[in-house]
Amino acid sequence: MVDEFQRSLQKVLVHEGGFSNHPKDPGCATMKGVTQRVYDEYRRSVGAPTWSVKNISSIELQAIYRQKYWNEIKGDRLAAGVS
């Protein structure tokens, strides 16, 4: 069974494409909505060396979305569909 976080993440990822590094984008290098800066912070927090956000794994992507976004908005407390 897919939980609400997974359902919501699937919906977000439909709109967050692959890799982007447009010179006019202030977020710089981005993969599936995760910027290089956020990815570097995450990798450092788990004691891993930094590398290109192009290499983000599904597990890392989910951990970042859960920690930095879902938990921040207290997504588990939101009604299904609102999240």
PDB file of N, CA and C in Angstrom:
ATOM      1  N   MET A   1       0.842  -1.191   0.000  1.00  0.00           N
ATOM      2  CA  MET A   1       0.000   0.000   0.000  1.00  0.00           C
ATOM      3  C   MET A   1       0.886   1.254   0.000  1.00  0.00           C
ATOM      4  N   VAL A   2       0.561   2.205  -0.809  1.00  0.00           N
ATOM      5  CA  VAL A   2       1.302   3.455  -0.903  1.00  0.00           C
ATOM      6  C   VAL A   2       0.804   4.408   0.176  1.00  0.00           C
ATOM      7  N   ASP A   3       1.730   4.930   0.989  1.00  0.00           N
ATOM      8  CA  ASP A   3       1.311   5.883   2.015  1.00  0.00           C
ATOM      9  C   ASP A   3       1.143   7.277   1.395  1.00  0.00           C
ATOM     10  N   GLU A   4       0.655   8.193   2.174  1.00  0.00           N
ATOM     11  CA  GLU A   4       0.355   9.534   1.667  1.00  0.00           C
ATOM     12  C   GLU A   4       1.609  10.262   1.191  1.00  0.00           C
ATOM     13  N   PHE A   5       2.727  10.076   1.879  1.00  0.00           N
ATOM     14  CA  PHE A   5       3.971  10.691   1.425  1.00  0.00           C
ATOM     15  C   PHE A   5       4.331  10.191   0.031  1.00  0.00           C
ATOM     16  N   GLN A   6       4.304   8.897  -0.163  1.00  0.00           N
ATOM     17  CA  GLN A   6       4.659   8.318  -1.464  1.00  0.00           C
ATOM     18  C   GLN A   6       3.697   8.796  -2.552  1.00  0.00           C
ATOM     19  N   ARG A   7       2.413   8.842  -2.247  1.00  0.00           N
ATOM     20  CA  ARG A   7       1.418   9.295  -3.220  1.00  0.00           C
ATOM     21  C   ARG A   7       1.694  10.749  -3.610  1.00  0.00           C
ATOM     22  N   SER A   8       1.978  11.576  -2.619  1.00  0.00           N
ATOM     23  CA  SER A   8       2.241  12.992  -2.869  1.00  0.00           C
ATOM     24  C   SER A   8       3.544  13.179  -3.645  1.00  0.00           C
ATOM     25  N   LEU A   9       4.565  12.424  -3.281  1.00  0.00           N
ATOM     26  CA  LEU A   9       5.848  12.534  -3.972  1.00  0.00           C
ATOM     27  C   LEU A   9       5.704  12.146  -5.445  1.00  0.00           C
ATOM     28  N   GLN A  10       4.958  11.114  -5.717  1.00  0.00           N
ATOM     29  CA  GLN A  10       4.732  10.710  -7.111  1.00  0.00           C
ATOM     30  C   GLN A  10       4.096  11.835  -7.909  1.00  0.00           C
ATOM     31  N   LYS A  11       3.158  12.536  -7.288  1.00  0.00           N
ATOM     32  CA  LYS A  11       2.501  13.653  -7.969  1.00  0.00           C
ATOM     33  C   LYS A  11       3.472  14.812  -8.215  1.00  0.00           C
ATOM     34  N   VAL A  12       4.324  15.095  -7.252  1.00  0.00           N
ATOM     35  CA  VAL A  12       5.306  16.170  -7.401  1.00  0.00           C
ATOM     36  C   VAL A  12       6.302  15.827  -8.502  1.00  0.00           C
ATOM     37  N   LEU A  13       6.765  14.593  -8.525  1.00  0.00           N
ATOM     38  CA  LEU A  13       7.799  14.204  -9.479  1.00  0.00           C
ATOM     39  C   LEU A  13       7.312  14.203 -10.922  1.00  0.00           C
ATOM     40  N   VAL A  14       6.006  14.178 -11.124  1.00  0.00           N
ATOM     41  CA  VAL A  14       5.467  14.314 -12.481  1.00  0.00           C
ATOM     42  C   VAL A  14       5.853  15.678 -13.047  1.00  0.00           C
ATOM     43  N   HIS A  15       5.936  16.683 -12.165  1.00  0.00           N
ATOM     44  CA  HIS A  15       6.225  18.052 -12.590  1.00  0.00           C
ATOM     45  C   HIS A  15       7.702  18.437 -12.438  1.00  0.00           C
ATOM     46  N   GLU A  16       8.435  17.663 -11.681  1.00  0.00           N
ATOM     47  CA  GLU A  16       9.862  17.918 -11.481  1.00  0.00           C
ATOM     48  C   GLU A  16      10.628  16.982 -12.395  1.00  0.00           C
ATOM     49  N   GLY A  17      11.089  17.507 -13.506  1.00  0.00           N
ATOM     50  CA  GLY A  17      11.728  16.689 -14.525  1.00  0.00           C
ATOM     51  C   GLY A  17      13.083  16.168 -14.120  1.00  0.00           C
ATOM     52  N   GLY A  18      13.862  15.868 -15.110  1.00  0.00           N
ATOM     53  CA  GLY A  18      15.198  15.340 -14.883  1.00  0.00           C
ATOM     54  C   GLY A  18      16.179  16.429 -14.512  1.00  0.00           C
ATOM     55  N   PHE A  19      17.350  16.374 -15.096  1.00  0.00           N
ATOM     56  CA  PHE A  19      18.419  17.298 -14.755  1.00  0.00           C
ATOM     57  C   PHE A  19      18.241  18.620 -15.488  1.00  0.00           C
ATOM     58  N   SER A  20      18.540  19.711 -14.777  1.00  0.00           N
ATOM     59  CA  SER A  20      18.506  21.055 -15.355  1.00  0.00           C
ATOM     60  C   SER A  20      19.646  21.861 -14.757  1.00  0.00           C
ATOM     61  N   ASN A  21      20.262  22.669 -15.590  1.00  0.00           N
ATOM     62  CA  ASN A  21      21.312  23.570 -15.099  1.00  0.00           C
ATOM     63  C   ASN A  21      21.316  24.823 -15.970  1.00  0.00           C
ATOM     64  N   HIS A  22      20.177  25.491 -16.008  1.00  0.00           N
ATOM     65  CA  HIS A  22      20.032  26.679 -16.831  1.00  0.00           C
ATOM     66  C   HIS A  22      20.769  27.844 -16.172  1.00  0.00           C
ATOM     67  N   PRO A  23      21.553  28.602 -16.943  1.00  0.00           N
ATOM     68  CA  PRO A  23      22.337  29.702 -16.358  1.00  0.00           C
ATOM     69  C   PRO A  23      21.496  30.791 -15.690  1.00  0.00           C
ATOM     70  N   LYS A  24      20.243  30.947 -16.078  1.00  0.00           N
ATOM     71  CA  LYS A  24      19.390  31.972 -15.466  1.00  0.00           C
ATOM     72  C   LYS A  24      18.579  31.442 -14.281  1.00  0.00           C
ATOM     73  N   ASP A  25      18.709  30.158 -13.979  1.00  0.00           N
ATOM     74  CA  ASP A  25      17.997  29.561 -12.848  1.00  0.00           C
ATOM     75  C   ASP A  25      18.842  29.752 -11.598  1.00  0.00           C
ATOM     76  N   PRO A  26      18.336  30.491 -10.593  1.00  0.00           N
ATOM     77  CA  PRO A  26      19.130  30.736  -9.387  1.00  0.00           C
ATOM     78  C   PRO A  26      19.414  29.472  -8.582  1.00  0.00           C
ATOM     79  N   GLY A  27      18.658  28.407  -8.843  1.00  0.00           N
ATOM     80  CA  GLY A  27      18.895  27.149  -8.131  1.00  0.00           C
ATOM     81  C   GLY A  27      20.084  26.380  -8.655  1.00  0.00           C
ATOM     82  N   CYS A  28      20.606  26.803  -9.816  1.00  0.00           N
ATOM     83  CA  CYS A  28      21.742  26.133 -10.468  1.00  0.00           C
ATOM     84  C   CYS A  28      21.375  24.700 -10.826  1.00  0.00           C
ATOM     85  N   ALA A  29      22.313  23.786 -10.704  1.00  0.00           N
ATOM     86  CA  ALA A  29      22.076  22.388 -11.072  1.00  0.00           C
ATOM     87  C   ALA A  29      20.974  21.797 -10.200  1.00  0.00           C
ATOM     88  N   THR A  30      20.003  21.165 -10.857  1.00  0.00           N
ATOM     89  CA  THR A  30      18.838  20.609 -10.167  1.00  0.00           C
ATOM     90  C   THR A  30      18.471  19.277 -10.806  1.00  0.00           C
ATOM     91  N   MET A  31      18.144  18.288  -9.994  1.00  0.00           N
ATOM     92  CA  MET A  31      17.678  16.999 -10.485  1.00  0.00           C
ATOM     93  C   MET A  31      16.408  16.634  -9.737  1.00  0.00           C
ATOM     94  N   LYS A  32      15.317  16.500 -10.486  1.00  0.00           N
ATOM     95  CA  LYS A  32      14.016  16.119  -9.917  1.00  0.00           C
ATOM     96  C   LYS A  32      13.603  17.029  -8.772  1.00  0.00           C
ATOM     97  N   GLY A  33      13.927  18.310  -8.899  1.00  0.00           N
ATOM     98  CA  GLY A  33      13.528  19.293  -7.902  1.00  0.00           C
ATOM     99  C   GLY A  33      14.496  19.480  -6.751  1.00  0.00           C
ATOM    100  N   VAL A  34      15.570  18.719  -6.721  1.00  0.00           N
ATOM    101  CA  VAL A  34      16.571  18.839  -5.661  1.00  0.00           C
ATOM    102  C   VAL A  34      17.769  19.591  -6.224  1.00  0.00           C
ATOM    103  N   THR A  35      18.099  20.713  -5.594  1.00  0.00           N
ATOM    104  CA  THR A  35      19.240  21.511  -6.060  1.00  0.00           C
ATOM    105  C   THR A  35      20.550  20.896  -5.580  1.00  0.00           C
ATOM    106  N   GLN A  36      21.617  21.277  -6.245  1.00  0.00           N
ATOM    107  CA  GLN A  36      22.939  20.786  -5.864  1.00  0.00           C
ATOM    108  C   GLN A  36      23.252  21.162  -4.423  1.00  0.00           C
ATOM    109  N   ARG A  37      22.908  22.379  -4.013  1.00  0.00           N
ATOM    110  CA  ARG A  37      23.180  22.826  -2.640  1.00  0.00           C
ATOM    111  C   ARG A  37      22.479  21.934  -1.617  1.00  0.00           C
ATOM    112  N   VAL A  38      21.194  21.646  -1.848  1.00  0.00           N
ATOM    113  CA  VAL A  38      20.438  20.796  -0.926  1.00  0.00           C
ATOM    114  C   VAL A  38      21.019  19.381  -0.914  1.00  0.00           C
ATOM    115  N   TYR A  39      21.381  18.884  -2.071  1.00  0.00           N
ATOM    116  CA  TYR A  39      21.964  17.545  -2.159  1.00  0.00           C
ATOM    117  C   TYR A  39      23.301  17.480  -1.415  1.00  0.00           C
ATOM    118  N   ASP A  40      24.131  18.508  -1.593  1.00  0.00           N
ATOM    119  CA  ASP A  40      25.406  18.552  -0.871  1.00  0.00           C
ATOM    120  C   ASP A  40      25.181  18.554   0.637  1.00  0.00           C
ATOM    121  N   GLU A  41      24.233  19.353   1.104  1.00  0.00           N
ATOM    122  CA  GLU A  41      23.920  19.396   2.543  1.00  0.00           C
ATOM    123  C   GLU A  41      23.497  18.020   3.037  1.00  0.00           C
ATOM    124  N   TYR A  42      22.639  17.359   2.266  1.00  0.00           N
ATOM    125  CA  TYR A  42      22.174  16.024   2.652  1.00  0.00           C
ATOM    126  C   TYR A  42      23.338  15.042   2.722  1.00  0.00           C
ATOM    127  N   ARG A  43      24.167  15.010   1.671  1.00  0.00           N
ATOM    128  CA  ARG A  43      25.288  14.059   1.623  1.00  0.00           C
ATOM    129  C   ARG A  43      26.237  14.301   2.800  1.00  0.00           C
ATOM    130  N   ARG A  44      26.528  15.566   3.097  1.00  0.00           N
ATOM    131  CA  ARG A  44      27.399  15.860   4.247  1.00  0.00           C
ATOM    132  C   ARG A  44      26.768  15.379   5.552  1.00  0.00           C
ATOM    133  N   SER A  45      25.448  15.537   5.685  1.00  0.00           N
ATOM    134  CA  SER A  45      24.759  15.169   6.921  1.00  0.00           C
ATOM    135  C   SER A  45      24.798  13.672   7.195  1.00  0.00           C
ATOM    136  N   VAL A  46      24.989  12.872   6.155  1.00  0.00           N
ATOM    137  CA  VAL A  46      25.066  11.417   6.331  1.00  0.00           C
ATOM    138  C   VAL A  46      26.506  10.913   6.219  1.00  0.00           C
ATOM    139  N   GLY A  47      27.464  11.856   6.198  1.00  0.00           N
ATOM    140  CA  GLY A  47      28.871  11.493   6.168  1.00  0.00           C
ATOM    141  C   GLY A  47      29.366  10.986   4.822  1.00  0.00           C
ATOM    142  N   ALA A  48      28.676  11.357   3.757  1.00  0.00           N
ATOM    143  CA  ALA A  48      29.063  10.917   2.415  1.00  0.00           C
ATOM    144  C   ALA A  48      29.730  12.070   1.671  1.00  0.00           C
ATOM    145  N   PRO A  49      30.636  11.756   0.759  1.00  0.00           N
ATOM    146  CA  PRO A  49      31.249  12.825  -0.039  1.00  0.00           C
ATOM    147  C   PRO A  49      30.227  13.444  -0.982  1.00  0.00           C
ATOM    148  N   THR A  50      30.431  14.692  -1.326  1.00  0.00           N
ATOM    149  CA  THR A  50      29.516  15.341  -2.270  1.00  0.00           C
ATOM    150  C   THR A  50      29.890  14.929  -3.689  1.00  0.00           C
ATOM    151  N   TRP A  51      28.878  14.919  -4.543  1.00  0.00           N
ATOM    152  CA  TRP A  51      29.066  14.671  -5.958  1.00  0.00           C
ATOM    153  C   TRP A  51      27.889  15.243  -6.699  1.00  0.00           C
ATOM    154  N   SER A  52      27.870  15.121  -7.987  1.00  0.00           N
ATOM    155  CA  SER A  52      26.835  15.756  -8.801  1.00  0.00           C
ATOM    156  C   SER A  52      25.439  15.274  -8.437  1.00  0.00           C
ATOM    157  N   VAL A  53      24.523  16.223  -8.381  1.00  0.00           N
ATOM    158  CA  VAL A  53      23.121  15.906  -8.119  1.00  0.00           C
ATOM    159  C   VAL A  53      22.546  14.996  -9.217  1.00  0.00           C
ATOM    160  N   LYS A  54      23.202  14.938 -10.355  1.00  0.00           N
ATOM    161  CA  LYS A  54      22.779  14.004 -11.411  1.00  0.00           C
ATOM    162  C   LYS A  54      22.786  12.565 -10.909  1.00  0.00           C
ATOM    163  N   ASN A  55      23.602  12.292  -9.895  1.00  0.00           N
ATOM    164  CA  ASN A  55      23.774  10.931  -9.374  1.00  0.00           C
ATOM    165  C   ASN A  55      22.845  10.597  -8.217  1.00  0.00           C
ATOM    166  N   ILE A  56      21.892  11.458  -7.906  1.00  0.00           N
ATOM    167  CA  ILE A  56      21.013  11.218  -6.759  1.00  0.00           C
ATOM    168  C   ILE A  56      20.264   9.898  -6.924  1.00  0.00           C
ATOM    169  N   SER A  57      20.244   9.114  -5.856  1.00  0.00           N
ATOM    170  CA  SER A  57      19.521   7.841  -5.889  1.00  0.00           C
ATOM    171  C   SER A  57      18.069   8.059  -5.466  1.00  0.00           C
ATOM    172  N   SER A  58      17.249   7.097  -5.750  1.00  0.00           N
ATOM    173  CA  SER A  58      15.848   7.163  -5.347  1.00  0.00           C
ATOM    174  C   SER A  58      15.714   7.254  -3.826  1.00  0.00           C
ATOM    175  N   ILE A  59      16.550   6.523  -3.126  1.00  0.00           N
ATOM    176  CA  ILE A  59      16.515   6.546  -1.654  1.00  0.00           C
ATOM    177  C   ILE A  59      16.886   7.924  -1.129  1.00  0.00           C
ATOM    178  N   GLU A  60      17.930   8.531  -1.701  1.00  0.00           N
ATOM    179  CA  GLU A  60      18.337   9.868  -1.282  1.00  0.00           C
ATOM    180  C   GLU A  60      17.254  10.889  -1.610  1.00  0.00           C
ATOM    181  N   LEU A  61      16.688  10.784  -2.797  1.00  0.00           N
ATOM    182  CA  LEU A  61      15.627  11.701  -3.222  1.00  0.00           C
ATOM    183  C   LEU A  61      14.463  11.660  -2.235  1.00  0.00           C
ATOM    184  N   GLN A  62      14.030  10.460  -1.890  1.00  0.00           N
ATOM    185  CA  GLN A  62      12.921  10.319  -0.950  1.00  0.00           C
ATOM    186  C   GLN A  62      13.284  10.859   0.432  1.00  0.00           C
ATOM    187  N   ALA A  63      14.502  10.599   0.879  1.00  0.00           N
ATOM    188  CA  ALA A  63      14.927  11.091   2.197  1.00  0.00           C
ATOM    189  C   ALA A  63      14.926  12.617   2.227  1.00  0.00           C
ATOM    190  N   ILE A  64      15.411  13.237   1.161  1.00  0.00           N
ATOM    191  CA  ILE A  64      15.455  14.702   1.100  1.00  0.00           C
ATOM    192  C   ILE A  64      14.053  15.278   1.072  1.00  0.00           C
ATOM    193  N   TYR A  65      13.195  14.757   0.217  1.00  0.00           N
ATOM    194  CA  TYR A  65      11.826  15.266   0.166  1.00  0.00           C
ATOM    195  C   TYR A  65      11.121  15.079   1.499  1.00  0.00           C
ATOM    196  N   ARG A  66      11.325  13.943   2.157  1.00  0.00           N
ATOM    197  CA  ARG A  66      10.660  13.715   3.448  1.00  0.00           C
ATOM    198  C   ARG A  66      11.200  14.675   4.502  1.00  0.00           C
ATOM    199  N   GLN A  67      12.514  14.780   4.636  1.00  0.00           N
ATOM    200  CA  GLN A  67      13.115  15.614   5.685  1.00  0.00           C
ATOM    201  C   GLN A  67      12.916  17.104   5.447  1.00  0.00           C
ATOM    202  N   LYS A  68      13.201  17.554   4.240  1.00  0.00           N
ATOM    203  CA  LYS A  68      13.235  18.997   3.972  1.00  0.00           C
ATOM    204  C   LYS A  68      11.873  19.591   3.640  1.00  0.00           C
ATOM    205  N   TYR A  69      10.952  18.787   3.178  1.00  0.00           N
ATOM    206  CA  TYR A  69       9.675  19.329   2.719  1.00  0.00           C
ATOM    207  C   TYR A  69       8.492  18.713   3.467  1.00  0.00           C
ATOM    208  N   TRP A  70       8.340  17.419   3.402  1.00  0.00           N
ATOM    209  CA  TRP A  70       7.190  16.744   4.017  1.00  0.00           C
ATOM    210  C   TRP A  70       7.152  16.970   5.529  1.00  0.00           C
ATOM    211  N   ASN A  71       8.245  16.694   6.203  1.00  0.00           N
ATOM    212  CA  ASN A  71       8.265  16.862   7.658  1.00  0.00           C
ATOM    213  C   ASN A  71       8.121  18.325   8.058  1.00  0.00           C
ATOM    214  N   GLU A  72       8.673  19.237   7.268  1.00  0.00           N
ATOM    215  CA  GLU A  72       8.580  20.669   7.569  1.00  0.00           C
ATOM    216  C   GLU A  72       7.137  21.168   7.561  1.00  0.00           C
ATOM    217  N   ILE A  73       6.323  20.633   6.653  1.00  0.00           N
ATOM    218  CA  ILE A  73       4.917  21.060   6.596  1.00  0.00           C
ATOM    219  C   ILE A  73       4.008  20.158   7.435  1.00  0.00           C
ATOM    220  N   LYS A  74       4.633  19.209   8.157  1.00  0.00           N
ATOM    221  CA  LYS A  74       3.891  18.242   8.959  1.00  0.00           C
ATOM    222  C   LYS A  74       2.869  17.509   8.077  1.00  0.00           C
ATOM    223  N   GLY A  75       3.385  16.994   6.975  1.00  0.00           N
ATOM    224  CA  GLY A  75       2.557  16.329   5.976  1.00  0.00           C
ATOM    225  C   GLY A  75       1.736  15.180   6.509  1.00  0.00           C
ATOM    226  N   ASP A  76       2.237  14.483   7.533  1.00  0.00           N
ATOM    227  CA  ASP A  76       1.474  13.361   8.090  1.00  0.00           C
ATOM    228  C   ASP A  76       0.209  13.804   8.799  1.00  0.00           C
ATOM    229  N   ARG A  77       0.136  15.086   9.125  1.00  0.00           N
ATOM    230  CA  ARG A  77      -1.052  15.620   9.804  1.00  0.00           C
ATOM    231  C   ARG A  77      -2.094  16.156   8.820  1.00  0.00           C
ATOM    232  N   LEU A  78      -1.723  16.297   7.568  1.00  0.00           N
ATOM    233  CA  LEU A  78      -2.655  16.833   6.568  1.00  0.00           C
ATOM    234  C   LEU A  78      -3.616  15.757   6.078  1.00  0.00           C
ATOM    235  N   ALA A  79      -4.795  16.190   5.707  1.00  0.00           N
ATOM    236  CA  ALA A  79      -5.771  15.245   5.169  1.00  0.00           C
ATOM    237  C   ALA A  79      -5.300  14.731   3.818  1.00  0.00           C
ATOM    238  N   ALA A  80      -5.643  13.480   3.523  1.00  0.00           N
ATOM    239  CA  ALA A  80      -5.303  12.914   2.224  1.00  0.00           C
ATOM    240  C   ALA A  80      -5.850  13.810   1.120  1.00  0.00           C
ATOM    241  N   GLY A  81      -5.019  14.063   0.131  1.00  0.00           N
ATOM    242  CA  GLY A  81      -5.430  14.937  -0.965  1.00  0.00           C
ATOM    243  C   GLY A  81      -4.992  16.373  -0.769  1.00  0.00           C
ATOM    244  N   VAL A  82      -4.903  16.829   0.473  1.00  0.00           N
ATOM    245  CA  VAL A  82      -4.438  18.174   0.758  1.00  0.00           C
ATOM    246  C   VAL A  82      -2.911  18.189   0.684  1.00  0.00           C
ATOM    247  N   SER A  83      -2.313  17.113   1.112  1.00  0.00           N
ATOM    248  CA  SER A  83      -0.843  17.035   1.147  1.00  0.00           C
ATOM    249  C   SER A  83      -0.274  17.077  -0.248  1.00  0.00           C
TER     250      SER A  83
END
